[in-house]
């Protein structure tokens, strides 16, 4: 799912807040009083660069499909489907991870970790894998769902727990409530699309 600049900003904020609340890192304000801003900017830079890379792949795929329009027409597939197929092949060739799954979250987490590691004033209290797993979970948790649903489930987790937002216990509650909401929505959708049987005469 392509995220807008505003959505990337909110995702970066959430990732930063989860990381800050995790206890895996701390900030030395005596070294640099703007350390939090610089960590947030590092996260934002990684996520924006990832979005730009996907945009470039999309444009390259569109150009290639347009250049081979006669093949595209003969395939009988829609242009969108062909562009997606070409984009997927380009991504594989360039070793770019696409989609909204855990693999992409893991790749982004590695890049975020490397970026914030170089920020002066951030202290790491856990091993690298734990920090990266924390970042990956927060990216996956907040990246691919509808923004309105995220906001609603965040409020639900706030209301039903006494935990501080974005701490590990709050995130566990968030995941549980998100799963429940999705199950309810799926059940409602399933009921609404079931074919109505004709009444016997």
C-alpha atoms as a PDB file:
ATOM      1  CA  UNK A   1       0.000   0.000   0.000  1.00  0.00           C
ATOM      2  CA  UNK A   2       1.416   3.380  -1.056  1.00  0.00           C
ATOM      3  CA  UNK A   3       1.589   5.746   1.901  1.00  0.00           C
ATOM      4  CA  UNK A   4       1.210   9.489   1.589  1.00  0.00           C
ATOM      5  CA  UNK A   5       3.753  11.885   3.112  1.00  0.00           C
ATOM      6  CA  UNK A   6       1.332  12.535   5.969  1.00  0.00           C
ATOM      7  CA  UNK A   7       0.896   8.812   6.609  1.00  0.00           C
ATOM      8  CA  UNK A   8       4.674   8.309   6.547  1.00  0.00           C
ATOM      9  CA  UNK A   9       5.007  11.076   9.123  1.00  0.00           C
ATOM     10  CA  UNK A  10       2.447   9.443  11.421  1.00  0.00           C
ATOM     11  CA  UNK A  11       4.056   6.024  10.931  1.00  0.00           C
ATOM     12  CA  UNK A  12       7.462   7.497  11.820  1.00  0.00           C
ATOM     13  CA  UNK A  13       5.990   9.098  14.949  1.00  0.00           C
ATOM     14  CA  UNK A  14       4.461   5.808  16.065  1.00  0.00           C
ATOM     15  CA  UNK A  15       7.651   3.835  15.416  1.00  0.00           C
ATOM     16  CA  UNK A  16       9.644   6.425  17.375  1.00  0.00           C
ATOM     17  CA  UNK A  17       7.188   6.375  20.304  1.00  0.00           C
ATOM     18  CA  UNK A  18       7.147   2.552  20.452  1.00  0.00           C
ATOM     19  CA  UNK A  19      10.954   2.520  20.443  1.00  0.00           C
ATOM     20  CA  UNK A  20      11.124   5.192  23.142  1.00  0.00           C
ATOM     21  CA  UNK A  21       8.572   3.406  25.347  1.00  0.00           C
ATOM     22  CA  UNK A  22      10.192  -0.012  24.850  1.00  0.00           C
ATOM     23  CA  UNK A  23      13.048   0.497  27.292  1.00  0.00           C
ATOM     24  CA  UNK A  24      15.491  -0.756  24.649  1.00  0.00           C
ATOM     25  CA  UNK A  25      16.928   2.732  24.149  1.00  0.00           C
ATOM     26  CA  UNK A  26      17.508   5.910  26.092  1.00  0.00           C
ATOM     27  CA  UNK A  27      18.477   9.450  25.218  1.00  0.00           C
ATOM     28  CA  UNK A  28      21.416  11.441  26.572  1.00  0.00           C
ATOM     29  CA  UNK A  29      20.153  15.022  26.408  1.00  0.00           C
ATOM     30  CA  UNK A  30      23.429  16.336  27.853  1.00  0.00           C
ATOM     31  CA  UNK A  31      25.171  15.113  24.682  1.00  0.00           C
ATOM     32  CA  UNK A  32      22.541  16.643  22.395  1.00  0.00           C
ATOM     33  CA  UNK A  33      19.281  18.131  23.571  1.00  0.00           C
ATOM     34  CA  UNK A  34      17.806  17.559  20.087  1.00  0.00           C
ATOM     35  CA  UNK A  35      18.616  13.822  20.063  1.00  0.00           C
ATOM     36  CA  UNK A  36      14.931  12.794  19.946  1.00  0.00           C
ATOM     37  CA  UNK A  37      14.312  15.006  16.917  1.00  0.00           C
ATOM     38  CA  UNK A  38      17.313  13.548  15.126  1.00  0.00           C
ATOM     39  CA  UNK A  39      16.260   9.948  15.844  1.00  0.00           C
ATOM     40  CA  UNK A  40      12.766  10.710  14.561  1.00  0.00           C
ATOM     41  CA  UNK A  41      14.205  12.345  11.427  1.00  0.00           C
ATOM     42  CA  UNK A  42      16.408   9.284  10.832  1.00  0.00           C
ATOM     43  CA  UNK A  43      13.362   7.012  10.995  1.00  0.00           C
ATOM     44  CA  UNK A  44      11.423   9.316   8.680  1.00  0.00           C
ATOM     45  CA  UNK A  45      14.317   9.444   6.178  1.00  0.00           C
ATOM     46  CA  UNK A  46      14.436   5.642   5.936  1.00  0.00           C
ATOM     47  CA  UNK A  47      10.681   5.302   5.430  1.00  0.00           C
ATOM     48  CA  UNK A  48      10.579   8.126   2.872  1.00  0.00           C
ATOM     49  CA  UNK A  49      13.514   6.645   0.952  1.00  0.00           C
ATOM     50  CA  UNK A  50      11.729   3.285   0.875  1.00  0.00           C
ATOM     51  CA  UNK A  51       8.571   4.940  -0.494  1.00  0.00           C
ATOM     52  CA  UNK A  52      10.583   6.775  -3.165  1.00  0.00           C
ATOM     53  CA  UNK A  53      12.264   3.524  -4.202  1.00  0.00           C
ATOM     54  CA  UNK A  54       8.849   1.915  -4.684  1.00  0.00           C
ATOM     55  CA  UNK A  55       7.666   4.945  -6.687  1.00  0.00           C
ATOM     56  CA  UNK A  56      10.683   4.655  -8.980  1.00  0.00           C
ATOM     57  CA  UNK A  57       9.983   0.968  -9.527  1.00  0.00           C
ATOM     58  CA  UNK A  58       6.349   1.756 -10.372  1.00  0.00           C
ATOM     59  CA  UNK A  59       7.357   4.379 -12.931  1.00  0.00           C
ATOM     60  CA  UNK A  60       9.961   2.063 -14.485  1.00  0.00           C
ATOM     61  CA  UNK A  61       7.419  -0.756 -14.722  1.00  0.00           C
ATOM     62  CA  UNK A  62       4.841   1.552 -16.344  1.00  0.00           C
ATOM     63  CA  UNK A  63       7.391   2.695 -18.946  1.00  0.00           C
ATOM     64  CA  UNK A  64       8.372  -0.869 -19.795  1.00  0.00           C
ATOM     65  CA  UNK A  65       4.741  -1.949 -20.203  1.00  0.00           C
ATOM     66  CA  UNK A  66       3.970   1.068 -22.405  1.00  0.00           C
ATOM     67  CA  UNK A  67       7.018   0.352 -24.569  1.00  0.00           C
ATOM     68  CA  UNK A  68       5.742  -3.184 -25.146  1.00  0.00           C
ATOM     69  CA  UNK A  69       2.086  -2.210 -25.594  1.00  0.00           C
ATOM     70  CA  UNK A  70       1.573  -4.744 -28.433  1.00  0.00           C
ATOM     71  CA  UNK A  71       2.670  -7.574 -26.110  1.00  0.00           C
ATOM     72  CA  UNK A  72       0.493  -6.162 -23.346  1.00  0.00           C
ATOM     73  CA  UNK A  73      -2.589  -6.189 -25.581  1.00  0.00           C
ATOM     74  CA  UNK A  74      -1.902  -9.731 -26.765  1.00  0.00           C
ATOM     75  CA  UNK A  75      -1.591 -10.986 -23.172  1.00  0.00           C
ATOM     76  CA  UNK A  76      -5.219 -10.206 -22.441  1.00  0.00           C
ATOM     77  CA  UNK A  77      -4.261  -8.861 -19.000  1.00  0.00           C
ATOM     78  CA  UNK A  78      -5.134  -5.421 -17.684  1.00  0.00           C
ATOM     79  CA  UNK A  79      -2.424  -2.749 -17.708  1.00  0.00           C
ATOM     80  CA  UNK A  80      -2.500  -2.582 -13.912  1.00  0.00           C
ATOM     81  CA  UNK A  81      -1.896  -6.331 -13.609  1.00  0.00           C
ATOM     82  CA  UNK A  82       0.976  -6.173 -16.101  1.00  0.00           C
ATOM     83  CA  UNK A  83       2.568  -3.213 -14.333  1.00  0.00           C
ATOM     84  CA  UNK A  84       2.341  -5.083 -11.014  1.00  0.00           C
ATOM     85  CA  UNK A  85       3.976  -8.168 -12.558  1.00  0.00           C
ATOM     86  CA  UNK A  86       6.812  -6.148 -14.108  1.00  0.00           C
ATOM     87  CA  UNK A  87       7.275  -4.170 -10.899  1.00  0.00           C
ATOM     88  CA  UNK A  88       7.530  -7.409  -8.928  1.00  0.00           C
ATOM     89  CA  UNK A  89      10.194  -8.768 -11.319  1.00  0.00           C
ATOM     90  CA  UNK A  90      12.142  -5.497 -11.165  1.00  0.00           C
ATOM     91  CA  UNK A  91      12.015  -5.525  -7.368  1.00  0.00           C
ATOM     92  CA  UNK A  92      13.335  -9.076  -7.267  1.00  0.00           C
ATOM     93  CA  UNK A  93      16.175  -8.205  -9.659  1.00  0.00           C
ATOM     94  CA  UNK A  94      17.082  -5.123  -7.622  1.00  0.00           C
ATOM     95  CA  UNK A  95      16.619  -6.938  -4.296  1.00  0.00           C
ATOM     96  CA  UNK A  96      13.908  -4.547  -3.143  1.00  0.00           C
ATOM     97  CA  UNK A  97      11.286  -5.888  -0.734  1.00  0.00           C
ATOM     98  CA  UNK A  98       7.733  -4.827  -1.546  1.00  0.00           C
ATOM     99  CA  UNK A  99       4.345  -5.449   0.037  1.00  0.00           C
ATOM    100  CA  UNK A 100       3.052  -4.980   3.556  1.00  0.00           C
ATOM    101  CA  UNK A 101       4.265  -8.223   5.076  1.00  0.00           C
ATOM    102  CA  UNK A 102       6.764  -9.001   7.831  1.00  0.00           C
ATOM    103  CA  UNK A 103       9.641  -9.278   5.327  1.00  0.00           C
ATOM    104  CA  UNK A 104       9.343  -5.625   4.395  1.00  0.00           C
ATOM    105  CA  UNK A 105       9.041  -4.613   8.048  1.00  0.00           C
ATOM    106  CA  UNK A 106      12.214  -6.591   8.840  1.00  0.00           C
ATOM    107  CA  UNK A 107      14.116  -4.968   5.962  1.00  0.00           C
ATOM    108  CA  UNK A 108      13.018  -1.491   7.031  1.00  0.00           C
ATOM    109  CA  UNK A 109      13.846  -2.237  10.670  1.00  0.00           C
ATOM    110  CA  UNK A 110      17.421  -3.133   9.736  1.00  0.00           C
ATOM    111  CA  UNK A 111      17.766   0.151   7.843  1.00  0.00           C
ATOM    112  CA  UNK A 112      16.202   2.174  10.670  1.00  0.00           C
ATOM    113  CA  UNK A 113      18.499   0.522  13.210  1.00  0.00           C
ATOM    114  CA  UNK A 114      21.600   1.342  11.153  1.00  0.00           C
ATOM    115  CA  UNK A 115      20.418   4.940  10.750  1.00  0.00           C
ATOM    116  CA  UNK A 116      19.710   5.589  14.437  1.00  0.00           C
ATOM    117  CA  UNK A 117      22.873   3.771  15.528  1.00  0.00           C
ATOM    118  CA  UNK A 118      24.849   6.669  14.077  1.00  0.00           C
ATOM    119  CA  UNK A 119      22.898   9.323  16.014  1.00  0.00           C
ATOM    120  CA  UNK A 120      24.983  10.777  18.822  1.00  0.00           C
ATOM    121  CA  UNK A 121      23.162  10.800  22.142  1.00  0.00           C
ATOM    122  CA  UNK A 122      21.132   7.585  21.790  1.00  0.00           C
ATOM    123  CA  UNK A 123      22.022   4.745  24.173  1.00  0.00           C
ATOM    124  CA  UNK A 124      21.106   1.101  23.518  1.00  0.00           C
ATOM    125  CA  UNK A 125      20.195  -1.060  26.519  1.00  0.00           C
ATOM    126  CA  UNK A 126      19.288  -4.256  24.625  1.00  0.00           C
ATOM    127  CA  UNK A 127      21.019  -6.366  22.007  1.00  0.00           C
ATOM    128  CA  UNK A 128      20.674  -5.426  18.354  1.00  0.00           C
ATOM    129  CA  UNK A 129      18.121  -8.140  17.522  1.00  0.00           C
ATOM    130  CA  UNK A 130      15.712  -7.044  20.243  1.00  0.00           C
ATOM    131  CA  UNK A 131      15.877  -3.426  19.093  1.00  0.00           C
ATOM    132  CA  UNK A 132      15.349  -4.412  15.448  1.00  0.00           C
ATOM    133  CA  UNK A 133      12.455  -6.731  16.358  1.00  0.00           C
ATOM    134  CA  UNK A 134      10.809  -3.905  18.275  1.00  0.00           C
ATOM    135  CA  UNK A 135      11.140  -1.572  15.284  1.00  0.00           C
ATOM    136  CA  UNK A 136       9.928  -4.247  12.833  1.00  0.00           C
ATOM    137  CA  UNK A 137       6.836  -5.043  14.904  1.00  0.00           C
ATOM    138  CA  UNK A 138       5.911  -1.385  15.196  1.00  0.00           C
ATOM    139  CA  UNK A 139       6.347  -0.825  11.441  1.00  0.00           C
ATOM    140  CA  UNK A 140       4.250  -3.888  10.617  1.00  0.00           C
ATOM    141  CA  UNK A 141       1.649  -3.006  13.234  1.00  0.00           C
ATOM    142  CA  UNK A 142       1.005   0.503  11.927  1.00  0.00           C
ATOM    143  CA  UNK A 143       1.958   0.376   8.248  1.00  0.00           C
ATOM    144  CA  UNK A 144      -0.707  -1.526   6.408  1.00  0.00           C
ATOM    145  CA  UNK A 145      -4.015  -0.858   8.138  1.00  0.00           C
ATOM    146  CA  UNK A 146      -6.506   1.870   7.422  1.00  0.00           C
ATOM    147  CA  UNK A 147      -5.588   5.013   9.362  1.00  0.00           C
ATOM    148  CA  UNK A 148      -9.104   5.341  10.785  1.00  0.00           C
ATOM    149  CA  UNK A 149      -8.944   1.787  12.099  1.00  0.00           C
ATOM    150  CA  UNK A 150      -5.544   2.421  13.694  1.00  0.00           C
ATOM    151  CA  UNK A 151      -6.869   5.539  15.434  1.00  0.00           C
ATOM    152  CA  UNK A 152      -9.997   3.723  16.630  1.00  0.00           C
ATOM    153  CA  UNK A 153      -8.066   0.723  17.996  1.00  0.00           C
ATOM    154  CA  UNK A 154      -5.529   3.020  19.678  1.00  0.00           C
ATOM    155  CA  UNK A 155      -8.378   4.753  21.498  1.00  0.00           C
ATOM    156  CA  UNK A 156      -9.850   1.354  22.404  1.00  0.00           C
ATOM    157  CA  UNK A 157      -6.521   0.179  23.832  1.00  0.00           C
ATOM    158  CA  UNK A 158      -6.215   3.440  25.786  1.00  0.00           C
ATOM    159  CA  UNK A 159      -9.702   3.042  27.209  1.00  0.00           C
ATOM    160  CA  UNK A 160      -9.473  -0.631  28.127  1.00  0.00           C
ATOM    161  CA  UNK A 161      -5.963  -0.660  29.604  1.00  0.00           C
ATOM    162  CA  UNK A 162      -4.199   1.437  32.194  1.00  0.00           C
ATOM    163  CA  UNK A 163      -0.970   1.161  30.245  1.00  0.00           C
ATOM    164  CA  UNK A 164       0.962   4.069  28.824  1.00  0.00           C
ATOM    165  CA  UNK A 165       0.500   4.286  25.058  1.00  0.00           C
ATOM    166  CA  UNK A 166       3.105   2.434  22.953  1.00  0.00           C
ATOM    167  CA  UNK A 167       4.639   0.497  25.853  1.00  0.00           C
ATOM    168  CA  UNK A 168       5.028  -3.251  25.301  1.00  0.00           C
ATOM    169  CA  UNK A 169       1.877  -4.186  27.334  1.00  0.00           C
ATOM    170  CA  UNK A 170      -0.147  -1.512  25.490  1.00  0.00           C
ATOM    171  CA  UNK A 171       1.067  -2.849  22.122  1.00  0.00           C
ATOM    172  CA  UNK A 172       0.027  -6.386  23.080  1.00  0.00           C
ATOM    173  CA  UNK A 173      -3.430  -5.081  23.974  1.00  0.00           C
ATOM    174  CA  UNK A 174      -3.544  -3.107  20.727  1.00  0.00           C
ATOM    175  CA  UNK A 175      -2.764  -6.253  18.716  1.00  0.00           C
ATOM    176  CA  UNK A 176      -5.485  -8.195  20.536  1.00  0.00           C
ATOM    177  CA  UNK A 177      -8.141  -5.519  20.002  1.00  0.00           C
ATOM    178  CA  UNK A 178      -7.110  -5.040  16.375  1.00  0.00           C
ATOM    179  CA  UNK A 179      -7.546  -8.764  15.759  1.00  0.00           C
ATOM    180  CA  UNK A 180     -10.986  -8.690  17.408  1.00  0.00           C
ATOM    181  CA  UNK A 181     -12.089  -5.682  15.351  1.00  0.00           C
ATOM    182  CA  UNK A 182     -10.917  -7.293  12.110  1.00  0.00           C
ATOM    183  CA  UNK A 183     -12.749 -10.527  12.937  1.00  0.00           C
ATOM    184  CA  UNK A 184     -15.965  -8.602  13.615  1.00  0.00           C
ATOM    185  CA  UNK A 185     -15.612  -6.621  10.379  1.00  0.00           C
ATOM    186  CA  UNK A 186     -14.963  -9.830   8.430  1.00  0.00           C
ATOM    187  CA  UNK A 187     -18.035 -11.447   9.968  1.00  0.00           C
ATOM    188  CA  UNK A 188     -20.190  -8.431   9.087  1.00  0.00           C
ATOM    189  CA  UNK A 189     -18.813  -8.382   5.533  1.00  0.00           C
ATOM    190  CA  UNK A 190     -19.362 -12.133   5.151  1.00  0.00           C
ATOM    191  CA  UNK A 191     -22.973 -11.802   6.306  1.00  0.00           C
ATOM    192  CA  UNK A 192     -23.654  -8.853   4.002  1.00  0.00           C
ATOM    193  CA  UNK A 193     -22.431 -10.647   0.857  1.00  0.00           C
ATOM    194  CA  UNK A 194     -24.118 -13.984   1.459  1.00  0.00           C
ATOM    195  CA  UNK A 195     -26.623 -14.687  -1.337  1.00  0.00           C
ATOM    196  CA  UNK A 196     -30.205 -14.444  -0.228  1.00  0.00           C
ATOM    197  CA  UNK A 197     -32.102 -17.671  -0.794  1.00  0.00           C
ATOM    198  CA  UNK A 198     -35.516 -17.444  -2.324  1.00  0.00           C
ATOM    199  CA  UNK A 199     -38.402 -18.295  -0.029  1.00  0.00           C
ATOM    200  CA  UNK A 200     -40.201 -21.527  -0.963  1.00  0.00           C
ATOM    201  CA  UNK A 201     -43.530 -20.966  -2.648  1.00  0.00           C
END
